[in-house]
Amino acid sequence: MALFKKNIIKSLKETTVAGSIIRAIIYTIGHIIIAMTCNRIITNTSFELAALDAIIEPIINGVWFFMLDRLWLKKK
């Protein structure tokens, strides 16, 4: 079973679209954490507002990154 899961993950990473999606998701999660931390430290805002901003803006950036990555792979 572990070998089966490993092969599925390997196949997803080798697939261009799936690889782009995986990279975009990882980027978005990291961006949410960074944005929320910076927002709290710089503006001293409430946790709720920092979280809201940190979720909405990185999701938009994640979609933008996915489109940019797909364009990059086409040109490559």
N, C-alpha and C. Protein backbone atom coordinates (compact mmCIF):
# COMPACT_ATOMS: atom_id res chain seq x y z
N MET A 1 0.82 -1.19 0.00
CA MET A 1 0.00 0.00 0.00
C MET A 1 0.86 1.26 0.00
N ALA A 2 1.95 1.25 0.79
CA ALA A 2 2.83 2.42 0.85
C ALA A 2 3.48 2.66 -0.51
N LEU A 3 3.84 1.58 -1.18
CA LEU A 3 4.44 1.72 -2.52
C LEU A 3 3.43 2.29 -3.50
N PHE A 4 2.18 1.88 -3.38
CA PHE A 4 1.11 2.40 -4.23
C PHE A 4 0.96 3.91 -4.05
N LYS A 5 0.92 4.37 -2.77
CA LYS A 5 0.80 5.80 -2.49
C LYS A 5 2.01 6.56 -3.01
N LYS A 6 3.18 5.97 -2.83
CA LYS A 6 4.42 6.61 -3.30
C LYS A 6 4.40 6.78 -4.81
N ASN A 7 3.92 5.78 -5.53
CA ASN A 7 3.84 5.86 -6.99
C ASN A 7 2.81 6.88 -7.44
N ILE A 8 1.70 7.00 -6.72
CA ILE A 8 0.69 8.00 -7.07
C ILE A 8 1.27 9.39 -6.90
N ILE A 9 1.93 9.63 -5.76
CA ILE A 9 2.53 10.94 -5.51
C ILE A 9 3.60 11.24 -6.55
N LYS A 10 4.41 10.26 -6.89
CA LYS A 10 5.44 10.44 -7.91
C LYS A 10 4.81 10.79 -9.25
N SER A 11 3.73 10.12 -9.60
CA SER A 11 3.05 10.39 -10.87
C SER A 11 2.47 11.81 -10.89
N LEU A 12 1.91 12.23 -9.76
CA LEU A 12 1.35 13.58 -9.69
C LEU A 12 2.44 14.63 -9.84
N LYS A 13 3.58 14.40 -9.23
CA LYS A 13 4.67 15.36 -9.32
C LYS A 13 5.23 15.44 -10.73
N GLU A 14 5.20 14.34 -11.45
CA GLU A 14 5.74 14.32 -12.81
C GLU A 14 4.76 14.92 -13.82
N THR A 15 3.48 14.94 -13.49
CA THR A 15 2.48 15.52 -14.38
C THR A 15 2.58 17.03 -14.30
N THR A 16 2.61 17.68 -15.43
CA THR A 16 2.82 19.12 -15.47
C THR A 16 1.74 19.89 -14.73
N VAL A 17 0.49 19.63 -15.03
CA VAL A 17 -0.59 20.36 -14.39
C VAL A 17 -0.63 20.06 -12.89
N ALA A 18 -0.52 18.81 -12.51
CA ALA A 18 -0.56 18.44 -11.09
C ALA A 18 0.62 19.06 -10.35
N GLY A 19 1.79 19.08 -10.98
CA GLY A 19 2.95 19.70 -10.36
C GLY A 19 2.72 21.18 -10.13
N SER A 20 2.10 21.84 -11.10
CA SER A 20 1.79 23.26 -10.95
C SER A 20 0.80 23.48 -9.81
N ILE A 21 -0.19 22.62 -9.71
CA ILE A 21 -1.19 22.75 -8.65
C ILE A 21 -0.55 22.53 -7.29
N ILE A 22 0.29 21.50 -7.17
CA ILE A 22 0.97 21.23 -5.90
C ILE A 22 1.84 22.41 -5.49
N ARG A 23 2.62 22.95 -6.41
CA ARG A 23 3.47 24.11 -6.10
C ARG A 23 2.62 25.31 -5.71
N ALA A 24 1.51 25.54 -6.40
CA ALA A 24 0.64 26.67 -6.09
C ALA A 24 0.01 26.52 -4.70
N ILE A 25 -0.39 25.32 -4.33
CA ILE A 25 -0.99 25.09 -3.01
C ILE A 25 0.04 25.31 -1.90
N ILE A 26 1.24 24.76 -2.07
CA ILE A 26 2.30 24.95 -1.07
C ILE A 26 2.64 26.43 -0.93
N TYR A 27 2.76 27.12 -2.06
CA TYR A 27 3.04 28.56 -2.04
C TYR A 27 1.93 29.32 -1.31
N THR A 28 0.68 28.97 -1.58
CA THR A 28 -0.45 29.67 -0.97
C THR A 28 -0.50 29.46 0.54
N ILE A 29 -0.27 28.25 1.00
CA ILE A 29 -0.27 27.98 2.44
C ILE A 29 0.83 28.78 3.14
N GLY A 30 2.02 28.77 2.57
CA GLY A 30 3.11 29.56 3.15
C GLY A 30 2.80 31.04 3.14
N HIS A 31 2.19 31.49 2.07
CA HIS A 31 1.85 32.91 1.95
C HIS A 31 0.82 33.32 3.00
N ILE A 32 -0.15 32.47 3.27
CA ILE A 32 -1.17 32.76 4.29
C ILE A 32 -0.51 32.93 5.66
N ILE A 33 0.38 32.04 6.00
CA ILE A 33 1.07 32.11 7.30
C ILE A 33 1.91 33.38 7.39
N ILE A 34 2.67 33.67 6.35
CA ILE A 34 3.53 34.85 6.34
C ILE A 34 2.69 36.13 6.38
N ALA A 35 1.63 36.19 5.57
CA ALA A 35 0.80 37.39 5.51
C ALA A 35 0.12 37.66 6.86
N MET A 36 -0.38 36.63 7.50
CA MET A 36 -1.06 36.82 8.77
C MET A 36 -0.07 37.31 9.84
N THR A 37 1.10 36.71 9.87
CA THR A 37 2.11 37.12 10.84
C THR A 37 2.54 38.57 10.62
N CYS A 38 2.84 38.92 9.38
CA CYS A 38 3.25 40.29 9.07
C CYS A 38 2.15 41.29 9.39
N ASN A 39 0.93 40.96 9.02
CA ASN A 39 -0.20 41.85 9.27
C ASN A 39 -0.37 42.11 10.76
N ARG A 40 -0.27 41.07 11.57
CA ARG A 40 -0.41 41.23 13.02
C ARG A 40 0.72 42.08 13.59
N ILE A 41 1.95 41.85 13.14
CA ILE A 41 3.10 42.57 13.68
C ILE A 41 3.12 44.02 13.21
N ILE A 42 2.92 44.24 11.93
CA ILE A 42 3.06 45.59 11.37
C ILE A 42 1.89 46.49 11.75
N THR A 43 0.66 45.99 11.64
CA THR A 43 -0.51 46.86 11.87
C THR A 43 -1.11 46.71 13.25
N ASN A 44 -0.66 45.69 14.00
CA ASN A 44 -1.20 45.43 15.33
C ASN A 44 -2.72 45.27 15.29
N THR A 45 -3.21 44.66 14.25
CA THR A 45 -4.65 44.46 14.07
C THR A 45 -5.11 43.22 14.83
N SER A 46 -6.41 43.03 14.88
CA SER A 46 -6.96 41.85 15.56
C SER A 46 -6.61 40.59 14.79
N PHE A 47 -6.66 39.49 15.49
CA PHE A 47 -6.37 38.20 14.86
C PHE A 47 -7.36 37.92 13.72
N GLU A 48 -8.62 38.25 13.93
CA GLU A 48 -9.66 37.97 12.93
C GLU A 48 -9.40 38.74 11.63
N LEU A 49 -9.09 40.03 11.74
CA LEU A 49 -8.82 40.82 10.53
C LEU A 49 -7.54 40.37 9.85
N ALA A 50 -6.52 40.05 10.63
CA ALA A 50 -5.26 39.57 10.05
C ALA A 50 -5.49 38.25 9.32
N ALA A 51 -6.29 37.37 9.92
CA ALA A 51 -6.58 36.08 9.29
C ALA A 51 -7.38 36.26 8.00
N LEU A 52 -8.37 37.15 8.04
CA LEU A 52 -9.19 37.40 6.85
C LEU A 52 -8.32 37.91 5.69
N ASP A 53 -7.51 38.90 5.98
CA ASP A 53 -6.61 39.44 4.95
C ASP A 53 -5.61 38.39 4.49
N ALA A 54 -5.11 37.63 5.44
CA ALA A 54 -4.09 36.62 5.13
C ALA A 54 -4.66 35.45 4.33
N ILE A 55 -5.95 35.26 4.33
CA ILE A 55 -6.55 34.17 3.56
C ILE A 55 -6.96 34.65 2.17
N ILE A 56 -7.62 35.78 2.08
CA ILE A 56 -8.13 36.26 0.79
C ILE A 56 -7.01 36.61 -0.18
N GLU A 57 -6.09 37.43 0.26
CA GLU A 57 -5.03 37.90 -0.64
C GLU A 57 -4.13 36.77 -1.15
N PRO A 58 -3.67 35.83 -0.31
CA PRO A 58 -2.84 34.74 -0.83
C PRO A 58 -3.58 33.79 -1.77
N ILE A 59 -4.89 33.62 -1.55
CA ILE A 59 -5.63 32.77 -2.48
C ILE A 59 -5.62 33.39 -3.88
N ILE A 60 -5.81 34.69 -3.94
CA ILE A 60 -5.73 35.38 -5.23
C ILE A 60 -4.32 35.24 -5.81
N ASN A 61 -3.31 35.41 -4.96
CA ASN A 61 -1.93 35.24 -5.43
C ASN A 61 -1.65 33.80 -5.87
N GLY A 62 -2.24 32.83 -5.18
CA GLY A 62 -2.05 31.43 -5.56
C GLY A 62 -2.61 31.13 -6.94
N VAL A 63 -3.76 31.70 -7.24
CA VAL A 63 -4.35 31.53 -8.58
C VAL A 63 -3.44 32.20 -9.62
N TRP A 64 -2.98 33.39 -9.30
CA TRP A 64 -2.06 34.10 -10.20
C TRP A 64 -0.78 33.27 -10.41
N PHE A 65 -0.22 32.70 -9.34
CA PHE A 65 0.99 31.89 -9.47
C PHE A 65 0.74 30.68 -10.35
N PHE A 66 -0.41 30.02 -10.18
CA PHE A 66 -0.75 28.86 -11.01
C PHE A 66 -0.79 29.24 -12.48
N MET A 67 -1.44 30.36 -12.80
CA MET A 67 -1.51 30.80 -14.20
C MET A 67 -0.12 31.14 -14.73
N LEU A 68 0.69 31.81 -13.92
CA LEU A 68 2.05 32.16 -14.32
C LEU A 68 2.90 30.91 -14.54
N ASP A 69 2.76 29.94 -13.65
CA ASP A 69 3.52 28.69 -13.77
C ASP A 69 3.13 27.93 -15.03
N ARG A 70 1.84 27.89 -15.34
CA ARG A 70 1.37 27.20 -16.56
C ARG A 70 1.93 27.90 -17.80
N LEU A 71 1.91 29.23 -17.81
CA LEU A 71 2.46 29.99 -18.94
C LEU A 71 3.96 29.72 -19.06
N TRP A 72 4.66 29.71 -17.95
CA TRP A 72 6.10 29.46 -17.94
C TRP A 72 6.41 28.08 -18.54
N LEU A 73 5.64 27.08 -18.13
CA LEU A 73 5.88 25.73 -18.64
C LEU A 73 5.58 25.62 -20.13
N LYS A 74 4.60 26.36 -20.61
CA LYS A 74 4.29 26.34 -22.05
C LYS A 74 5.42 26.96 -22.85
N LYS A 75 6.00 28.04 -22.34
CA LYS A 75 7.08 28.74 -23.05
C LYS A 75 8.39 27.97 -22.96
N LYS A 76 8.54 27.15 -21.92
CA LYS A 76 9.75 26.36 -21.71
C LYS A 76 9.79 25.24 -22.68
